[in-house]
Amino acid sequence: MLIGQPELANKLSEHRADVREVVQRCEVVRLNPLGDQLGPYLKHRFQLAGVKIEDVMEDAAIEALRLKLTGHTQKTQQEFSVLYPLAVHNVVAAALNIAASVGAPRLTADIINEV
């Protein structure tokens, strides 16, 4: 099993003759963005840590996180989403650090937007 970023898919492209034999034996599965599952995903992750999400994040912070990691490209106005676990975790960790530095008891939309 190989797990990687989109760059790995480029290296294992069917169009590359030097890896053709390997690629023909691979099944590629792509992880879709979390989308509407962001809230339940965060709740699950905090539950694994033994914490209620309500004690850590306001609902508005979850929505701010969703908006921060989705949008439209400037040129084509095409929608995009980077609501993948790694990006979500990076923003939440940075926001928690900001909250701790200012003594905020929970993550708010403003704190998420500061990241």
C-alpha atoms as a PDB file:
ATOM      1  CA  MET A   1       0.000   0.000   0.000  1.00  0.00           C
ATOM      2  CA  LEU A   2       1.304   3.412  -0.954  1.00  0.00           C
ATOM      3  CA  ILE A   3      -0.257   6.502   0.554  1.00  0.00           C
ATOM      4  CA  GLY A   4       0.760   9.861  -0.791  1.00  0.00           C
ATOM      5  CA  GLN A   5      -0.052  13.301  -1.998  1.00  0.00           C
ATOM      6  CA  PRO A   6      -1.077  14.108  -5.605  1.00  0.00           C
ATOM      7  CA  GLU A   7       2.606  14.264  -6.521  1.00  0.00           C
ATOM      8  CA  LEU A   8       2.834  10.488  -6.011  1.00  0.00           C
ATOM      9  CA  ALA A   9       0.020   9.998  -8.518  1.00  0.00           C
ATOM     10  CA  ASN A  10       2.022  12.070 -11.010  1.00  0.00           C
ATOM     11  CA  LYS A  11       5.101   9.898 -10.459  1.00  0.00           C
ATOM     12  CA  LEU A  12       2.996   6.771 -10.904  1.00  0.00           C
ATOM     13  CA  SER A  13       1.273   8.032 -14.029  1.00  0.00           C
ATOM     14  CA  GLU A  14       0.186   5.518 -16.654  1.00  0.00           C
ATOM     15  CA  HIS A  15       1.932   7.761 -19.176  1.00  0.00           C
ATOM     16  CA  ARG A  16       5.398   7.090 -17.717  1.00  0.00           C
ATOM     17  CA  ALA A  17       7.033   4.130 -19.408  1.00  0.00           C
ATOM     18  CA  ASP A  18       9.633   3.703 -16.661  1.00  0.00           C
ATOM     19  CA  VAL A  19       6.965   2.762 -14.077  1.00  0.00           C
ATOM     20  CA  ARG A  20       4.442   1.125 -16.388  1.00  0.00           C
ATOM     21  CA  GLU A  21       4.815  -2.360 -14.885  1.00  0.00           C
ATOM     22  CA  VAL A  22       4.230  -1.046 -11.363  1.00  0.00           C
ATOM     23  CA  VAL A  23       1.334   1.191 -12.357  1.00  0.00           C
ATOM     24  CA  GLN A  24      -0.478  -1.661 -14.079  1.00  0.00           C
ATOM     25  CA  ARG A  25      -0.547  -3.496 -10.752  1.00  0.00           C
ATOM     26  CA  CYS A  26      -1.796  -0.532  -8.733  1.00  0.00           C
ATOM     27  CA  GLU A  27      -5.321   0.407  -7.770  1.00  0.00           C
ATOM     28  CA  VAL A  28      -5.618   4.146  -7.171  1.00  0.00           C
ATOM     29  CA  VAL A  29      -8.089   5.339  -4.569  1.00  0.00           C
ATOM     30  CA  ARG A  30      -8.544   9.057  -4.054  1.00  0.00           C
ATOM     31  CA  LEU A  31      -9.708  10.576  -0.809  1.00  0.00           C
ATOM     32  CA  ASN A  32     -12.475  13.103  -1.415  1.00  0.00           C
ATOM     33  CA  PRO A  33     -12.624  16.329   0.603  1.00  0.00           C
ATOM     34  CA  LEU A  34     -14.602  16.061   3.840  1.00  0.00           C
ATOM     35  CA  GLY A  35     -17.262  18.500   2.651  1.00  0.00           C
ATOM     36  CA  ASP A  36     -20.421  18.149   4.741  1.00  0.00           C
ATOM     37  CA  GLN A  37     -18.663  15.584   6.923  1.00  0.00           C
ATOM     38  CA  LEU A  38     -16.307  18.168   8.456  1.00  0.00           C
ATOM     39  CA  GLY A  39     -18.361  18.577  11.648  1.00  0.00           C
ATOM     40  CA  PRO A  40     -18.838  14.841  12.271  1.00  0.00           C
ATOM     41  CA  TYR A  41     -15.177  14.216  11.410  1.00  0.00           C
ATOM     42  CA  LEU A  42     -13.973  16.797  13.939  1.00  0.00           C
ATOM     43  CA  LYS A  43     -16.374  15.457  16.554  1.00  0.00           C
ATOM     44  CA  HIS A  44     -14.980  11.967  16.008  1.00  0.00           C
ATOM     45  CA  ARG A  45     -11.368  13.148  16.222  1.00  0.00           C
ATOM     46  CA  PHE A  46     -11.976  15.030  19.459  1.00  0.00           C
ATOM     47  CA  GLN A  47     -13.863  12.021  20.877  1.00  0.00           C
ATOM     48  CA  LEU A  48     -10.784   9.897  20.198  1.00  0.00           C
ATOM     49  CA  ALA A  49      -8.849  12.366  22.348  1.00  0.00           C
ATOM     50  CA  GLY A  50     -11.485  12.106  25.083  1.00  0.00           C
ATOM     51  CA  VAL A  51     -12.769  15.643  24.545  1.00  0.00           C
ATOM     52  CA  LYS A  52     -16.188  16.979  23.561  1.00  0.00           C
ATOM     53  CA  ILE A  53     -15.948  19.200  20.502  1.00  0.00           C
ATOM     54  CA  GLU A  54     -18.321  21.686  22.159  1.00  0.00           C
ATOM     55  CA  ASP A  55     -15.653  22.265  24.830  1.00  0.00           C
ATOM     56  CA  VAL A  56     -13.050  23.122  22.181  1.00  0.00           C
ATOM     57  CA  MET A  57     -14.799  24.715  19.200  1.00  0.00           C
ATOM     58  CA  GLU A  58     -17.839  26.870  18.644  1.00  0.00           C
ATOM     59  CA  ASP A  59     -20.129  25.908  15.745  1.00  0.00           C
ATOM     60  CA  ALA A  60     -19.109  29.159  14.053  1.00  0.00           C
ATOM     61  CA  ALA A  61     -15.457  28.031  14.199  1.00  0.00           C
ATOM     62  CA  ILE A  62     -16.314  24.849  12.296  1.00  0.00           C
ATOM     63  CA  GLU A  63     -18.082  26.876   9.629  1.00  0.00           C
ATOM     64  CA  ALA A  64     -15.152  29.312   9.450  1.00  0.00           C
ATOM     65  CA  LEU A  65     -12.821  26.349   8.964  1.00  0.00           C
ATOM     66  CA  ARG A  66     -15.021  25.052   6.143  1.00  0.00           C
ATOM     67  CA  LEU A  67     -15.003  28.458   4.445  1.00  0.00           C
ATOM     68  CA  LYS A  68     -11.244  28.862   4.942  1.00  0.00           C
ATOM     69  CA  LEU A  69     -10.498  25.600   3.157  1.00  0.00           C
ATOM     70  CA  THR A  70     -12.959  25.992   0.277  1.00  0.00           C
ATOM     71  CA  GLY A  71     -13.482  28.661  -2.328  1.00  0.00           C
ATOM     72  CA  HIS A  72     -13.263  29.591  -5.994  1.00  0.00           C
ATOM     73  CA  THR A  73     -10.215  30.046  -8.205  1.00  0.00           C
ATOM     74  CA  GLN A  74      -9.612  33.617  -9.281  1.00  0.00           C
ATOM     75  CA  LYS A  75      -9.219  32.931 -12.985  1.00  0.00           C
ATOM     76  CA  THR A  76     -11.986  30.442 -13.703  1.00  0.00           C
ATOM     77  CA  GLN A  77     -14.167  30.850 -10.609  1.00  0.00           C
ATOM     78  CA  GLN A  78     -14.101  27.063 -10.371  1.00  0.00           C
ATOM     79  CA  GLU A  79     -14.900  25.694  -6.904  1.00  0.00           C
ATOM     80  CA  PHE A  80     -12.146  23.992  -4.959  1.00  0.00           C
ATOM     81  CA  SER A  81     -11.874  22.298  -1.602  1.00  0.00           C
ATOM     82  CA  VAL A  82      -8.858  21.339   0.458  1.00  0.00           C
ATOM     83  CA  LEU A  83     -10.978  19.952   3.285  1.00  0.00           C
ATOM     84  CA  TYR A  84      -8.653  17.005   3.693  1.00  0.00           C
ATOM     85  CA  PRO A  85      -7.655  15.693   7.118  1.00  0.00           C
ATOM     86  CA  LEU A  86      -4.077  17.015   6.915  1.00  0.00           C
ATOM     87  CA  ALA A  87      -5.167  20.557   6.043  1.00  0.00           C
ATOM     88  CA  VAL A  88      -7.933  20.488   8.660  1.00  0.00           C
ATOM     89  CA  HIS A  89      -5.530  19.257  11.348  1.00  0.00           C
ATOM     90  CA  ASN A  90      -2.936  21.897  10.451  1.00  0.00           C
ATOM     91  CA  VAL A  91      -5.426  24.762  10.726  1.00  0.00           C
ATOM     92  CA  VAL A  92      -6.987  23.438  13.941  1.00  0.00           C
ATOM     93  CA  ALA A  93      -3.558  22.932  15.553  1.00  0.00           C
ATOM     94  CA  ALA A  94      -2.471  26.453  14.599  1.00  0.00           C
ATOM     95  CA  ALA A  95      -5.783  27.865  15.877  1.00  0.00           C
ATOM     96  CA  LEU A  96      -5.408  25.986  19.172  1.00  0.00           C
ATOM     97  CA  ASN A  97      -1.953  27.515  19.577  1.00  0.00           C
ATOM     98  CA  ILE A  98      -3.352  30.989  18.950  1.00  0.00           C
ATOM     99  CA  ALA A  99      -6.201  30.365  21.403  1.00  0.00           C
ATOM    100  CA  ALA A 100      -3.737  29.208  24.060  1.00  0.00           C
ATOM    101  CA  SER A 101      -1.510  32.245  23.536  1.00  0.00           C
ATOM    102  CA  VAL A 102      -4.408  34.676  24.035  1.00  0.00           C
ATOM    103  CA  GLY A 103      -6.127  32.670  26.757  1.00  0.00           C
ATOM    104  CA  ALA A 104      -9.274  31.925  24.766  1.00  0.00           C
ATOM    105  CA  PRO A 105     -11.280  29.050  26.253  1.00  0.00           C
ATOM    106  CA  ARG A 106     -12.571  27.790  22.863  1.00  0.00           C
ATOM    107  CA  LEU A 107     -11.881  28.225  19.189  1.00  0.00           C
ATOM    108  CA  THR A 108     -14.004  30.922  17.596  1.00  0.00           C
ATOM    109  CA  ALA A 109     -14.498  31.905  13.966  1.00  0.00           C
ATOM    110  CA  ASP A 110     -12.182  34.875  14.542  1.00  0.00           C
ATOM    111  CA  ILE A 111      -9.391  32.622  15.781  1.00  0.00           C
ATOM    112  CA  ILE A 112      -9.790  30.271  12.792  1.00  0.00           C
ATOM    113  CA  ASN A 113      -9.638  33.296  10.474  1.00  0.00           C
ATOM    114  CA  GLU A 114      -6.373  34.409  12.123  1.00  0.00           C
ATOM    115  CA  VAL A 115      -4.613  31.257  10.929  1.00  0.00           C
END
